[in-house]
């Protein structure tokens, strides 16, 4: 792989890391909204997080597809770190979505009980 391609892989890795980091910040903010029963705000933040993750995932997928087309992609600790970071954030997003669903269900049940 040429120096140009190595630099390109580093740029892609940073794009993935930054996108995952932006997604994580939105997820953390959404969790605070869930804690305060601000469900619409939490949903909006999780939607933003998903957009950040999608951009990062697209960059990752493009590189993986290059390798699948038999293009030489050397091992990169930075790229591996970026993939790991994205995978972790995607798991956090899934957990936050489930927590939001559960919290909304509990909130509805509590409101019904309070009406009685």
PDB file of N, CA and C in Angstrom:
ATOM      1  N   UNK A   1       0.848  -1.174   0.000  1.00  0.00           N
ATOM      2  CA  UNK A   1       0.000   0.000   0.000  1.00  0.00           C
ATOM      3  C   UNK A   1       0.893   1.236   0.000  1.00  0.00           C
ATOM      4  N   UNK A   2       0.552   2.180  -0.818  1.00  0.00           N
ATOM      5  CA  UNK A   2       1.370   3.384  -0.925  1.00  0.00           C
ATOM      6  C   UNK A   2       1.171   4.303   0.275  1.00  0.00           C
ATOM      7  N   UNK A   3       2.061   5.278   0.384  1.00  0.00           N
ATOM      8  CA  UNK A   3       1.959   6.264   1.465  1.00  0.00           C
ATOM      9  C   UNK A   3       0.604   6.977   1.392  1.00  0.00           C
ATOM     10  N   UNK A   4       0.160   7.292   0.163  1.00  0.00           N
ATOM     11  CA  UNK A   4      -1.145   7.953  -0.030  1.00  0.00           C
ATOM     12  C   UNK A   4      -2.268   7.093   0.535  1.00  0.00           C
ATOM     13  N   UNK A   5      -2.257   5.805   0.245  1.00  0.00           N
ATOM     14  CA  UNK A   5      -3.308   4.911   0.733  1.00  0.00           C
ATOM     15  C   UNK A   5      -3.244   4.733   2.251  1.00  0.00           C
ATOM     16  N   UNK A   6      -2.030   4.730   2.802  1.00  0.00           N
ATOM     17  CA  UNK A   6      -1.878   4.634   4.252  1.00  0.00           C
ATOM     18  C   UNK A   6      -2.481   5.871   4.913  1.00  0.00           C
ATOM     19  N   UNK A   7      -2.199   7.036   4.345  1.00  0.00           N
ATOM     20  CA  UNK A   7      -2.779   8.269   4.878  1.00  0.00           C
ATOM     21  C   UNK A   7      -4.295   8.260   4.742  1.00  0.00           C
ATOM     22  N   UNK A   8      -4.800   7.726   3.639  1.00  0.00           N
ATOM     23  CA  UNK A   8      -6.246   7.635   3.427  1.00  0.00           C
ATOM     24  C   UNK A   8      -6.879   6.737   4.487  1.00  0.00           C
ATOM     25  N   UNK A   9      -6.234   5.611   4.814  1.00  0.00           N
ATOM     26  CA  UNK A   9      -6.754   4.711   5.841  1.00  0.00           C
ATOM     27  C   UNK A   9      -6.761   5.403   7.205  1.00  0.00           C
ATOM     28  N   UNK A  10      -5.737   6.205   7.472  1.00  0.00           N
ATOM     29  CA  UNK A  10      -5.705   6.967   8.720  1.00  0.00           C
ATOM     30  C   UNK A  10      -6.846   7.983   8.762  1.00  0.00           C
ATOM     31  N   UNK A  11      -7.104   8.640   7.642  1.00  0.00           N
ATOM     32  CA  UNK A  11      -8.203   9.610   7.573  1.00  0.00           C
ATOM     33  C   UNK A  11      -9.551   8.920   7.805  1.00  0.00           C
ATOM     34  N   UNK A  12      -9.741   7.776   7.188  1.00  0.00           N
ATOM     35  CA  UNK A  12     -10.979   7.014   7.366  1.00  0.00           C
ATOM     36  C   UNK A  12     -11.123   6.589   8.820  1.00  0.00           C
ATOM     37  N   UNK A  13     -10.026   6.133   9.403  1.00  0.00           N
ATOM     38  CA  UNK A  13     -10.050   5.716  10.815  1.00  0.00           C
ATOM     39  C   UNK A  13     -10.467   6.870  11.707  1.00  0.00           C
ATOM     40  N   UNK A  14      -9.925   8.050  11.463  1.00  0.00           N
ATOM     41  CA  UNK A  14     -10.281   9.213  12.280  1.00  0.00           C
ATOM     42  C   UNK A  14     -11.739   9.607  12.056  1.00  0.00           C
ATOM     43  N   UNK A  15     -12.229   9.471  10.825  1.00  0.00           N
ATOM     44  CA  UNK A  15     -13.639   9.750  10.540  1.00  0.00           C
ATOM     45  C   UNK A  15     -14.544   8.831  11.360  1.00  0.00           C
ATOM     46  N   UNK A  16     -14.159   7.569  11.425  1.00  0.00           N
ATOM     47  CA  UNK A  16     -14.940   6.587  12.197  1.00  0.00           C
ATOM     48  C   UNK A  16     -14.905   6.939  13.680  1.00  0.00           C
ATOM     49  N   UNK A  17     -13.718   7.230  14.185  1.00  0.00           N
ATOM     50  CA  UNK A  17     -13.559   7.560  15.607  1.00  0.00           C
ATOM     51  C   UNK A  17     -14.351   8.820  15.958  1.00  0.00           C
ATOM     52  N   UNK A  18     -14.245   9.841  15.131  1.00  0.00           N
ATOM     53  CA  UNK A  18     -14.961  11.092  15.406  1.00  0.00           C
ATOM     54  C   UNK A  18     -16.477  10.891  15.331  1.00  0.00           C
ATOM     55  N   UNK A  19     -16.943  10.149  14.331  1.00  0.00           N
ATOM     56  CA  UNK A  19     -18.374   9.883  14.214  1.00  0.00           C
ATOM     57  C   UNK A  19     -18.886   9.095  15.407  1.00  0.00           C
ATOM     58  N   UNK A  20     -18.129   8.103  15.821  1.00  0.00           N
ATOM     59  CA  UNK A  20     -18.516   7.304  16.989  1.00  0.00           C
ATOM     60  C   UNK A  20     -18.490   8.165  18.253  1.00  0.00           C
ATOM     61  N   UNK A  21     -17.508   9.044  18.358  1.00  0.00           N
ATOM     62  CA  UNK A  21     -17.421   9.932  19.519  1.00  0.00           C
ATOM     63  C   UNK A  21     -18.595  10.904  19.580  1.00  0.00           C
ATOM     64  N   UNK A  22     -18.970  11.449  18.422  1.00  0.00           N
ATOM     65  CA  UNK A  22     -20.135  12.341  18.371  1.00  0.00           C
ATOM     66  C   UNK A  22     -21.402  11.580  18.747  1.00  0.00           C
ATOM     67  N   UNK A  23     -21.504  10.339  18.270  1.00  0.00           N
ATOM     68  CA  UNK A  23     -22.664   9.508  18.612  1.00  0.00           C
ATOM     69  C   UNK A  23     -22.702   9.246  20.113  1.00  0.00           C
ATOM     70  N   UNK A  24     -21.555   8.947  20.691  1.00  0.00           N
ATOM     71  CA  UNK A  24     -21.501   8.675  22.135  1.00  0.00           C
ATOM     72  C   UNK A  24     -21.950   9.896  22.934  1.00  0.00           C
ATOM     73  N   UNK A  25     -21.553  11.080  22.522  1.00  0.00           N
ATOM     74  CA  UNK A  25     -21.964  12.298  23.221  1.00  0.00           C
ATOM     75  C   UNK A  25     -23.487  12.455  23.165  1.00  0.00           C
ATOM     76  N   UNK A  26     -24.083  12.178  22.015  1.00  0.00           N
ATOM     77  CA  UNK A  26     -25.547  12.259  21.878  1.00  0.00           C
ATOM     78  C   UNK A  26     -26.231  11.201  22.744  1.00  0.00           C
ATOM     79  N   UNK A  27     -25.663  10.017  22.791  1.00  0.00           N
ATOM     80  CA  UNK A  27     -26.234   8.939  23.609  1.00  0.00           C
ATOM     81  C   UNK A  27     -26.194   9.323  25.083  1.00  0.00           C
ATOM     82  N   UNK A  28     -25.076   9.865  25.532  1.00  0.00           N
ATOM     83  CA  UNK A  28     -24.962  10.279  26.932  1.00  0.00           C
ATOM     84  C   UNK A  28     -25.983  11.369  27.266  1.00  0.00           C
ATOM     85  N   UNK A  29     -26.170  12.302  26.356  1.00  0.00           N
ATOM     86  CA  UNK A  29     -27.168  13.356  26.563  1.00  0.00           C
ATOM     87  C   UNK A  29     -28.573  12.755  26.591  1.00  0.00           C
ATOM     88  N   UNK A  30     -28.828  11.782  25.720  1.00  0.00           N
ATOM     89  CA  UNK A  30     -30.138  11.119  25.702  1.00  0.00           C
ATOM     90  C   UNK A  30     -30.399  10.395  27.007  1.00  0.00           C
ATOM     91  N   UNK A  31     -29.391   9.765  27.558  1.00  0.00           N
ATOM     92  CA  UNK A  31     -29.561   9.070  28.829  1.00  0.00           C
ATOM     93  C   UNK A  31     -29.919  10.052  29.950  1.00  0.00           C
ATOM     94  N   UNK A  32     -29.336  11.230  29.914  1.00  0.00           N
ATOM     95  CA  UNK A  32     -29.704  12.250  30.902  1.00  0.00           C
ATOM     96  C   UNK A  32     -31.160  12.666  30.710  1.00  0.00           C
ATOM     97  N   UNK A  33     -31.587  12.795  29.444  1.00  0.00           N
ATOM     98  CA  UNK A  33     -32.992  13.110  29.179  1.00  0.00           C
ATOM     99  C   UNK A  33     -33.917  12.010  29.684  1.00  0.00           C
ATOM    100  N   UNK A  34     -33.536  10.766  29.487  1.00  0.00           N
ATOM    101  CA  UNK A  34     -34.346   9.644  29.976  1.00  0.00           C
ATOM    102  C   UNK A  34     -34.475   9.727  31.493  1.00  0.00           C
ATOM    103  N   UNK A  35     -33.383  10.020  32.153  1.00  0.00           N
ATOM    104  CA  UNK A  35     -33.376  10.142  33.612  1.00  0.00           C
ATOM    105  C   UNK A  35     -34.362  11.215  34.084  1.00  0.00           C
ATOM    106  N   UNK A  36     -34.532  12.261  33.275  1.00  0.00           N
ATOM    107  CA  UNK A  36     -35.424  13.375  33.627  1.00  0.00           C
ATOM    108  C   UNK A  36     -36.828  13.194  33.023  1.00  0.00           C
ATOM    109  N   UNK A  37     -37.107  12.019  32.438  1.00  0.00           N
ATOM    110  CA  UNK A  37     -38.388  11.719  31.798  1.00  0.00           C
ATOM    111  C   UNK A  37     -38.685  12.644  30.619  1.00  0.00           C
ATOM    112  N   UNK A  38     -37.638  13.096  29.951  1.00  0.00           N
ATOM    113  CA  UNK A  38     -37.752  13.946  28.768  1.00  0.00           C
ATOM    114  C   UNK A  38     -37.579  13.048  27.539  1.00  0.00           C
ATOM    115  N   UNK A  39     -38.625  12.281  27.252  1.00  0.00           N
ATOM    116  CA  UNK A  39     -38.523  11.219  26.269  1.00  0.00           C
ATOM    117  C   UNK A  39     -38.392  11.722  24.824  1.00  0.00           C
ATOM    118  N   UNK A  40     -39.104  12.783  24.479  1.00  0.00           N
ATOM    119  CA  UNK A  40     -38.997  13.307  23.107  1.00  0.00           C
ATOM    120  C   UNK A  40     -37.581  13.810  22.832  1.00  0.00           C
ATOM    121  N   UNK A  41     -37.005  14.497  23.809  1.00  0.00           N
ATOM    122  CA  UNK A  41     -35.638  14.986  23.651  1.00  0.00           C
ATOM    123  C   UNK A  41     -34.667  13.813  23.516  1.00  0.00           C
ATOM    124  N   UNK A  42     -34.888  12.772  24.312  1.00  0.00           N
ATOM    125  CA  UNK A  42     -34.022  11.586  24.242  1.00  0.00           C
ATOM    126  C   UNK A  42     -34.122  10.935  22.865  1.00  0.00           C
ATOM    127  N   UNK A  43     -35.342  10.832  22.344  1.00  0.00           N
ATOM    128  CA  UNK A  43     -35.517  10.241  21.011  1.00  0.00           C
ATOM    129  C   UNK A  43     -34.789  11.051  19.946  1.00  0.00           C
ATOM    130  N   UNK A  44     -34.861  12.377  20.045  1.00  0.00           N
ATOM    131  CA  UNK A  44     -34.182  13.238  19.081  1.00  0.00           C
ATOM    132  C   UNK A  44     -32.664  13.051  19.152  1.00  0.00           C
ATOM    133  N   UNK A  45     -32.140  12.948  20.354  1.00  0.00           N
ATOM    134  CA  UNK A  45     -30.692  12.771  20.510  1.00  0.00           C
ATOM    135  C   UNK A  45     -30.246  11.393  20.007  1.00  0.00           C
ATOM    136  N   UNK A  46     -31.065  10.386  20.245  1.00  0.00           N
ATOM    137  CA  UNK A  46     -30.717   9.051  19.736  1.00  0.00           C
ATOM    138  C   UNK A  46     -30.796   9.009  18.211  1.00  0.00           C
ATOM    139  N   UNK A  47     -31.704   9.783  17.636  1.00  0.00           N
ATOM    140  CA  UNK A  47     -31.773   9.870  16.172  1.00  0.00           C
ATOM    141  C   UNK A  47     -30.510  10.541  15.624  1.00  0.00           C
ATOM    142  N   UNK A  48     -30.043  11.592  16.308  1.00  0.00           N
ATOM    143  CA  UNK A  48     -28.792  12.242  15.901  1.00  0.00           C
ATOM    144  C   UNK A  48     -27.618  11.274  16.035  1.00  0.00           C
ATOM    145  N   UNK A  49     -27.603  10.531  17.128  1.00  0.00           N
ATOM    146  CA  UNK A  49     -26.527   9.556  17.341  1.00  0.00           C
ATOM    147  C   UNK A  49     -26.506   8.543  16.202  1.00  0.00           C
ATOM    148  N   UNK A  50     -27.684   8.106  15.785  1.00  0.00           N
ATOM    149  CA  UNK A  50     -27.759   7.123  14.698  1.00  0.00           C
ATOM    150  C   UNK A  50     -27.187   7.701  13.406  1.00  0.00           C
ATOM    151  N   UNK A  51     -27.431   8.975  13.137  1.00  0.00           N
ATOM    152  CA  UNK A  51     -26.868   9.608  11.938  1.00  0.00           C
ATOM    153  C   UNK A  51     -25.346   9.601  11.988  1.00  0.00           C
ATOM    154  N   UNK A  52     -24.788   9.946  13.161  1.00  0.00           N
ATOM    155  CA  UNK A  52     -23.331   9.929  13.313  1.00  0.00           C
ATOM    156  C   UNK A  52     -22.782   8.512  13.119  1.00  0.00           C
ATOM    157  N   UNK A  53     -23.468   7.533  13.707  1.00  0.00           N
ATOM    158  CA  UNK A  53     -23.016   6.144  13.575  1.00  0.00           C
ATOM    159  C   UNK A  53     -23.099   5.681  12.119  1.00  0.00           C
ATOM    160  N   UNK A  54     -24.132   6.086  11.416  1.00  0.00           N
ATOM    161  CA  UNK A  54     -24.303   5.674  10.021  1.00  0.00           C
ATOM    162  C   UNK A  54     -23.167   6.194   9.145  1.00  0.00           C
ATOM    163  N   UNK A  55     -22.773   7.454   9.361  1.00  0.00           N
ATOM    164  CA  UNK A  55     -21.650   8.015   8.603  1.00  0.00           C
ATOM    165  C   UNK A  55     -20.366   7.245   8.898  1.00  0.00           C
ATOM    166  N   UNK A  56     -20.135   6.969  10.173  1.00  0.00           N
ATOM    167  CA  UNK A  56     -18.932   6.236  10.568  1.00  0.00           C
ATOM    168  C   UNK A  56     -18.962   4.823   9.999  1.00  0.00           C
ATOM    169  N   UNK A  57     -20.115   4.199  10.058  1.00  0.00           N
ATOM    170  CA  UNK A  57     -20.252   2.830   9.557  1.00  0.00           C
ATOM    171  C   UNK A  57     -20.036   2.780   8.042  1.00  0.00           C
ATOM    172  N   UNK A  58     -20.509   3.792   7.333  1.00  0.00           N
ATOM    173  CA  UNK A  58     -20.310   3.843   5.881  1.00  0.00           C
ATOM    174  C   UNK A  58     -18.824   3.911   5.538  1.00  0.00           C
ATOM    175  N   UNK A  59     -18.081   4.710   6.281  1.00  0.00           N
ATOM    176  CA  UNK A  59     -16.634   4.813   6.047  1.00  0.00           C
ATOM    177  C   UNK A  59     -15.959   3.472   6.295  1.00  0.00           C
ATOM    178  N   UNK A  60     -16.367   2.800   7.352  1.00  0.00           N
ATOM    179  CA  UNK A  60     -15.806   1.481   7.665  1.00  0.00           C
ATOM    180  C   UNK A  60     -16.155   0.473   6.576  1.00  0.00           C
ATOM    181  N   UNK A  61     -17.402   0.465   6.160  1.00  0.00           N
ATOM    182  CA  UNK A  61     -17.872  -0.505   5.167  1.00  0.00           C
ATOM    183  C   UNK A  61     -17.154  -0.327   3.834  1.00  0.00           C
ATOM    184  N   UNK A  62     -16.922   0.916   3.453  1.00  0.00           N
ATOM    185  CA  UNK A  62     -16.211   1.194   2.204  1.00  0.00           C
ATOM    186  C   UNK A  62     -14.825   0.539   2.213  1.00  0.00           C
ATOM    187  N   UNK A  63     -14.142   0.645   3.318  1.00  0.00           N
ATOM    188  CA  UNK A  63     -12.798   0.059   3.443  1.00  0.00           C
ATOM    189  C   UNK A  63     -12.860  -1.460   3.422  1.00  0.00           C
ATOM    190  N   UNK A  64     -13.826  -2.023   4.104  1.00  0.00           N
ATOM    191  CA  UNK A  64     -13.975  -3.484   4.123  1.00  0.00           C
ATOM    192  C   UNK A  64     -14.306  -4.003   2.727  1.00  0.00           C
ATOM    193  N   UNK A  65     -15.134  -3.265   1.989  1.00  0.00           N
ATOM    194  CA  UNK A  65     -15.478  -3.680   0.628  1.00  0.00           C
ATOM    195  C   UNK A  65     -14.259  -3.633  -0.294  1.00  0.00           C
ATOM    196  N   UNK A  66     -13.387  -2.662  -0.065  1.00  0.00           N
ATOM    197  CA  UNK A  66     -12.153  -2.603  -0.849  1.00  0.00           C
ATOM    198  C   UNK A  66     -11.339  -3.879  -0.644  1.00  0.00           C
ATOM    199  N   UNK A  67     -11.222  -4.298   0.590  1.00  0.00           N
ATOM    200  CA  UNK A  67     -10.473  -5.519   0.882  1.00  0.00           C
ATOM    201  C   UNK A  67     -11.170  -6.734   0.268  1.00  0.00           C
ATOM    202  N   UNK A  68     -12.491  -6.743   0.288  1.00  0.00           N
ATOM    203  CA  UNK A  68     -13.243  -7.855  -0.309  1.00  0.00           C
ATOM    204  C   UNK A  68     -13.027  -7.913  -1.822  1.00  0.00           C
ATOM    205  N   UNK A  69     -12.725  -6.767  -2.435  1.00  0.00           N
ATOM    206  CA  UNK A  69     -12.413  -6.736  -3.875  1.00  0.00           C
ATOM    207  C   UNK A  69     -10.946  -7.046  -4.142  1.00  0.00           C
ATOM    208  N   UNK A  70     -10.286  -7.595  -3.131  1.00  0.00           N
ATOM    209  CA  UNK A  70      -8.876  -8.009  -3.221  1.00  0.00           C
ATOM    210  C   UNK A  70      -7.892  -6.850  -3.268  1.00  0.00           C
ATOM    211  N   UNK A  71      -8.334  -5.668  -2.867  1.00  0.00           N
ATOM    212  CA  UNK A  71      -7.394  -4.563  -2.738  1.00  0.00           C
ATOM    213  C   UNK A  71      -6.649  -4.768  -1.422  1.00  0.00           C
ATOM    214  N   UNK A  72      -5.375  -4.469  -1.421  1.00  0.00           N
ATOM    215  CA  UNK A  72      -4.554  -4.690  -0.239  1.00  0.00           C
ATOM    216  C   UNK A  72      -4.788  -3.589   0.785  1.00  0.00           C
ATOM    217  N   UNK A  73      -5.275  -3.986   1.935  1.00  0.00           N
ATOM    218  CA  UNK A  73      -5.464  -3.075   3.060  1.00  0.00           C
ATOM    219  C   UNK A  73      -4.576  -3.622   4.184  1.00  0.00           C
ATOM    220  N   UNK A  74      -3.514  -2.896   4.528  1.00  0.00           N
ATOM    221  CA  UNK A  74      -2.619  -3.415   5.571  1.00  0.00           C
ATOM    222  C   UNK A  74      -3.273  -3.348   6.943  1.00  0.00           C
ATOM    223  N   UNK A  75      -2.762  -4.141   7.860  1.00  0.00           N
ATOM    224  CA  UNK A  75      -3.258  -4.076   9.225  1.00  0.00           C
ATOM    225  C   UNK A  75      -2.955  -2.683   9.787  1.00  0.00           C
ATOM    226  N   UNK A  76      -3.922  -2.130  10.477  1.00  0.00           N
ATOM    227  CA  UNK A  76      -3.750  -0.815  11.081  1.00  0.00           C
ATOM    228  C   UNK A  76      -4.343  -0.848  12.481  1.00  0.00           C
ATOM    229  N   UNK A  77      -3.511  -0.567  13.465  1.00  0.00           N
ATOM    230  CA  UNK A  77      -3.991  -0.506  14.845  1.00  0.00           C
ATOM    231  C   UNK A  77      -5.045   0.591  14.976  1.00  0.00           C
ATOM    232  N   UNK A  78      -4.832   1.707  14.305  1.00  0.00           N
ATOM    233  CA  UNK A  78      -5.786   2.810  14.370  1.00  0.00           C
ATOM    234  C   UNK A  78      -7.135   2.404  13.779  1.00  0.00           C
ATOM    235  N   UNK A  79      -7.126   1.715  12.635  1.00  0.00           N
ATOM    236  CA  UNK A  79      -8.377   1.270  12.014  1.00  0.00           C
ATOM    237  C   UNK A  79      -9.073   0.244  12.906  1.00  0.00           C
ATOM    238  N   UNK A  80      -8.308  -0.656  13.498  1.00  0.00           N
ATOM    239  CA  UNK A  80      -8.884  -1.645  14.420  1.00  0.00           C
ATOM    240  C   UNK A  80      -9.508  -0.945  15.624  1.00  0.00           C
ATOM    241  N   UNK A  81      -8.815   0.060  16.153  1.00  0.00           N
ATOM    242  CA  UNK A  81      -9.347   0.837  17.277  1.00  0.00           C
ATOM    243  C   UNK A  81     -10.643   1.542  16.864  1.00  0.00           C
ATOM    244  N   UNK A  82     -10.652   2.098  15.676  1.00  0.00           N
ATOM    245  CA  UNK A  82     -11.840   2.806  15.190  1.00  0.00           C
ATOM    246  C   UNK A  82     -13.028   1.849  15.088  1.00  0.00           C
ATOM    247  N   UNK A  83     -12.795   0.666  14.546  1.00  0.00           N
ATOM    248  CA  UNK A  83     -13.868  -0.323  14.437  1.00  0.00           C
ATOM    249  C   UNK A  83     -14.380  -0.732  15.818  1.00  0.00           C
ATOM    250  N   UNK A  84     -13.468  -0.931  16.737  1.00  0.00           N
ATOM    251  CA  UNK A  84     -13.839  -1.309  18.098  1.00  0.00           C
ATOM    252  C   UNK A  84     -14.658  -0.204  18.757  1.00  0.00           C
ATOM    253  N   UNK A  85     -14.228   1.016  18.571  1.00  0.00           N
ATOM    254  CA  UNK A  85     -14.922   2.173  19.140  1.00  0.00           C
ATOM    255  C   UNK A  85     -16.349   2.257  18.583  1.00  0.00           C
ATOM    256  N   UNK A  86     -16.492   2.093  17.278  1.00  0.00           N
ATOM    257  CA  UNK A  86     -17.810   2.156  16.639  1.00  0.00           C
ATOM    258  C   UNK A  86     -18.712   1.028  17.131  1.00  0.00           C
ATOM    259  N   UNK A  87     -18.180  -0.178  17.205  1.00  0.00           N
ATOM    260  CA  UNK A  87     -18.974  -1.322  17.664  1.00  0.00           C
ATOM    261  C   UNK A  87     -19.476  -1.093  19.088  1.00  0.00           C
ATOM    262  N   UNK A  88     -18.631  -0.555  19.941  1.00  0.00           N
ATOM    263  CA  UNK A  88     -19.025  -0.292  21.328  1.00  0.00           C
ATOM    264  C   UNK A  88     -20.135   0.748  21.379  1.00  0.00           C
ATOM    265  N   UNK A  89     -19.998   1.805  20.602  1.00  0.00           N
ATOM    266  CA  UNK A  89     -21.010   2.861  20.585  1.00  0.00           C
ATOM    267  C   UNK A  89     -22.331   2.330  20.025  1.00  0.00           C
ATOM    268  N   UNK A  90     -22.266   1.458  19.042  1.00  0.00           N
ATOM    269  CA  UNK A  90     -23.497   0.878  18.502  1.00  0.00           C
ATOM    270  C   UNK A  90     -24.215   0.049  19.577  1.00  0.00           C
ATOM    271  N   UNK A  91     -23.456  -0.644  20.389  1.00  0.00           N
ATOM    272  CA  UNK A  91     -24.056  -1.395  21.498  1.00  0.00           C
ATOM    273  C   UNK A  91     -24.670  -0.444  22.516  1.00  0.00           C
ATOM    274  N   UNK A  92     -23.973   0.639  22.819  1.00  0.00           N
ATOM    275  CA  UNK A  92     -24.511   1.627  23.750  1.00  0.00           C
ATOM    276  C   UNK A  92     -25.823   2.209  23.219  1.00  0.00           C
ATOM    277  N   UNK A  93     -25.879   2.463  21.922  1.00  0.00           N
ATOM    278  CA  UNK A  93     -27.090   3.002  21.308  1.00  0.00           C
ATOM    279  C   UNK A  93     -28.253   2.019  21.461  1.00  0.00           C
ATOM    280  N   UNK A  94     -27.978   0.756  21.201  1.00  0.00           N
ATOM    281  CA  UNK A  94     -29.030  -0.261  21.349  1.00  0.00           C
ATOM    282  C   UNK A  94     -29.534  -0.336  22.790  1.00  0.00           C
ATOM    283  N   UNK A  95     -28.630  -0.290  23.730  1.00  0.00           N
ATOM    284  CA  UNK A  95     -29.026  -0.329  25.146  1.00  0.00           C
ATOM    285  C   UNK A  95     -29.836   0.917  25.501  1.00  0.00           C
ATOM    286  N   UNK A  96     -29.405   2.080  25.020  1.00  0.00           N
ATOM    287  CA  UNK A  96     -30.125   3.321  25.312  1.00  0.00           C
ATOM    288  C   UNK A  96     -31.527   3.292  24.711  1.00  0.00           C
ATOM    289  N   UNK A  97     -31.665   2.753  23.499  1.00  0.00           N
ATOM    290  CA  UNK A  97     -33.005   2.638  22.879  1.00  0.00           C
ATOM    291  C   UNK A  97     -33.906   1.737  23.721  1.00  0.00           C
ATOM    292  N   UNK A  98     -33.355   0.636  24.182  1.00  0.00           N
ATOM    293  CA  UNK A  98     -34.142  -0.270  25.027  1.00  0.00           C
ATOM    294  C   UNK A  98     -34.495   0.382  26.351  1.00  0.00           C
ATOM    295  N   UNK A  99     -33.564   1.093  26.933  1.00  0.00           N
ATOM    296  CA  UNK A  99     -33.829   1.785  28.191  1.00  0.00           C
ATOM    297  C   UNK A  99     -34.914   2.848  28.004  1.00  0.00           C
ATOM    298  N   UNK A 100     -34.881   3.537  26.889  1.00  0.00           N
ATOM    299  CA  UNK A 100     -35.914   4.528  26.593  1.00  0.00           C
ATOM    300  C   UNK A 100     -37.288   3.858  26.502  1.00  0.00           C
ATOM    301  N   UNK A 101     -37.366   2.757  25.788  1.00  0.00           N
ATOM    302  CA  UNK A 101     -38.631   2.025  25.649  1.00  0.00           C
ATOM    303  C   UNK A 101     -39.152   1.564  27.007  1.00  0.00           C
ATOM    304  N   UNK A 102     -38.285   0.987  27.796  1.00  0.00           N
ATOM    305  CA  UNK A 102     -38.670   0.502  29.135  1.00  0.00           C
ATOM    306  C   UNK A 102     -39.118   1.667  30.014  1.00  0.00           C
ATOM    307  N   UNK A 103     -38.371   2.765  29.990  1.00  0.00           N
ATOM    308  CA  UNK A 103     -38.706   3.928  30.814  1.00  0.00           C
ATOM    309  C   UNK A 103     -40.047   4.521  30.418  1.00  0.00           C
ATOM    310  N   UNK A 104     -40.322   4.582  29.120  1.00  0.00           N
ATOM    311  CA  UNK A 104     -41.614   5.101  28.662  1.00  0.00           C
ATOM    312  C   UNK A 104     -42.754   4.199  29.134  1.00  0.00           C
ATOM    313  N   UNK A 105     -42.544   2.903  29.091  1.00  0.00           N
ATOM    314  CA  UNK A 105     -43.565   1.949  29.543  1.00  0.00           C
ATOM    315  C   UNK A 105     -43.830   2.121  31.029  1.00  0.00           C
ATOM    316  N   UNK A 106     -42.782   2.215  31.823  1.00  0.00           N
ATOM    317  CA  UNK A 106     -42.947   2.417  33.267  1.00  0.00           C
ATOM    318  C   UNK A 106     -43.640   3.743  33.557  1.00  0.00           C
ATOM    319  N   UNK A 107     -43.237   4.779  32.838  1.00  0.00           N
ATOM    320  CA  UNK A 107     -43.836   6.090  33.049  1.00  0.00           C
ATOM    321  C   UNK A 107     -45.340   6.057  32.762  1.00  0.00           C
ATOM    322  N   UNK A 108     -45.732   5.392  31.691  1.00  0.00           N
ATOM    323  CA  UNK A 108     -47.161   5.266  31.361  1.00  0.00           C
ATOM    324  C   UNK A 108     -47.911   4.501  32.444  1.00  0.00           C
ATOM    325  N   UNK A 109     -47.312   3.439  32.930  1.00  0.00           N
ATOM    326  CA  UNK A 109     -47.962   2.641  33.986  1.00  0.00           C
ATOM    327  C   UNK A 109     -48.105   3.459  35.263  1.00  0.00           C
ATOM    328  N   UNK A 110     -47.088   4.215  35.616  1.00  0.00           N
ATOM    329  CA  UNK A 110     -47.145   5.028  36.821  1.00  0.00           C
ATOM    330  C   UNK A 110     -48.235   6.101  36.678  1.00  0.00           C
ATOM    331  N   UNK A 111     -48.303   6.727  35.506  1.00  0.00           N
ATOM    332  CA  UNK A 111     -49.328   7.751  35.284  1.00  0.00           C
ATOM    333  C   UNK A 111     -50.741   7.166  35.414  1.00  0.00           C
ATOM    334  N   UNK A 112     -50.939   5.963  34.911  1.00  0.00           N
ATOM    335  CA  UNK A 112     -52.239   5.300  35.051  1.00  0.00           C
ATOM    336  C   UNK A 112     -52.577   5.038  36.512  1.00  0.00           C
ATOM    337  N   UNK A 113     -51.599   4.615  37.280  1.00  0.00           N
ATOM    338  CA  UNK A 113     -51.807   4.361  38.699  1.00  0.00           C
ATOM    339  C   UNK A 113     -52.120   5.656  39.444  1.00  0.00           C
ATOM    340  N   UNK A 114     -51.460   6.730  39.067  1.00  0.00           N
ATOM    341  CA  UNK A 114     -51.686   8.011  39.718  1.00  0.00           C
ATOM    342  C   UNK A 114     -53.082   8.565  39.422  1.00  0.00           C
ATOM    343  N   UNK A 115     -53.645   8.200  38.274  1.00  0.00           N
ATOM    344  CA  UNK A 115     -54.984   8.651  37.901  1.00  0.00           C
ATOM    345  C   UNK A 115     -56.066   8.002  38.759  1.00  0.00           C
ATOM    346  N   UNK A 116     -55.757   6.842  39.310  1.00  0.00           N
ATOM    347  CA  UNK A 116     -56.766   6.113  40.085  1.00  0.00           C
ATOM    348  C   UNK A 116     -56.999   6.713  41.440  1.00  0.00           C
TER     349      UNK A 116
END
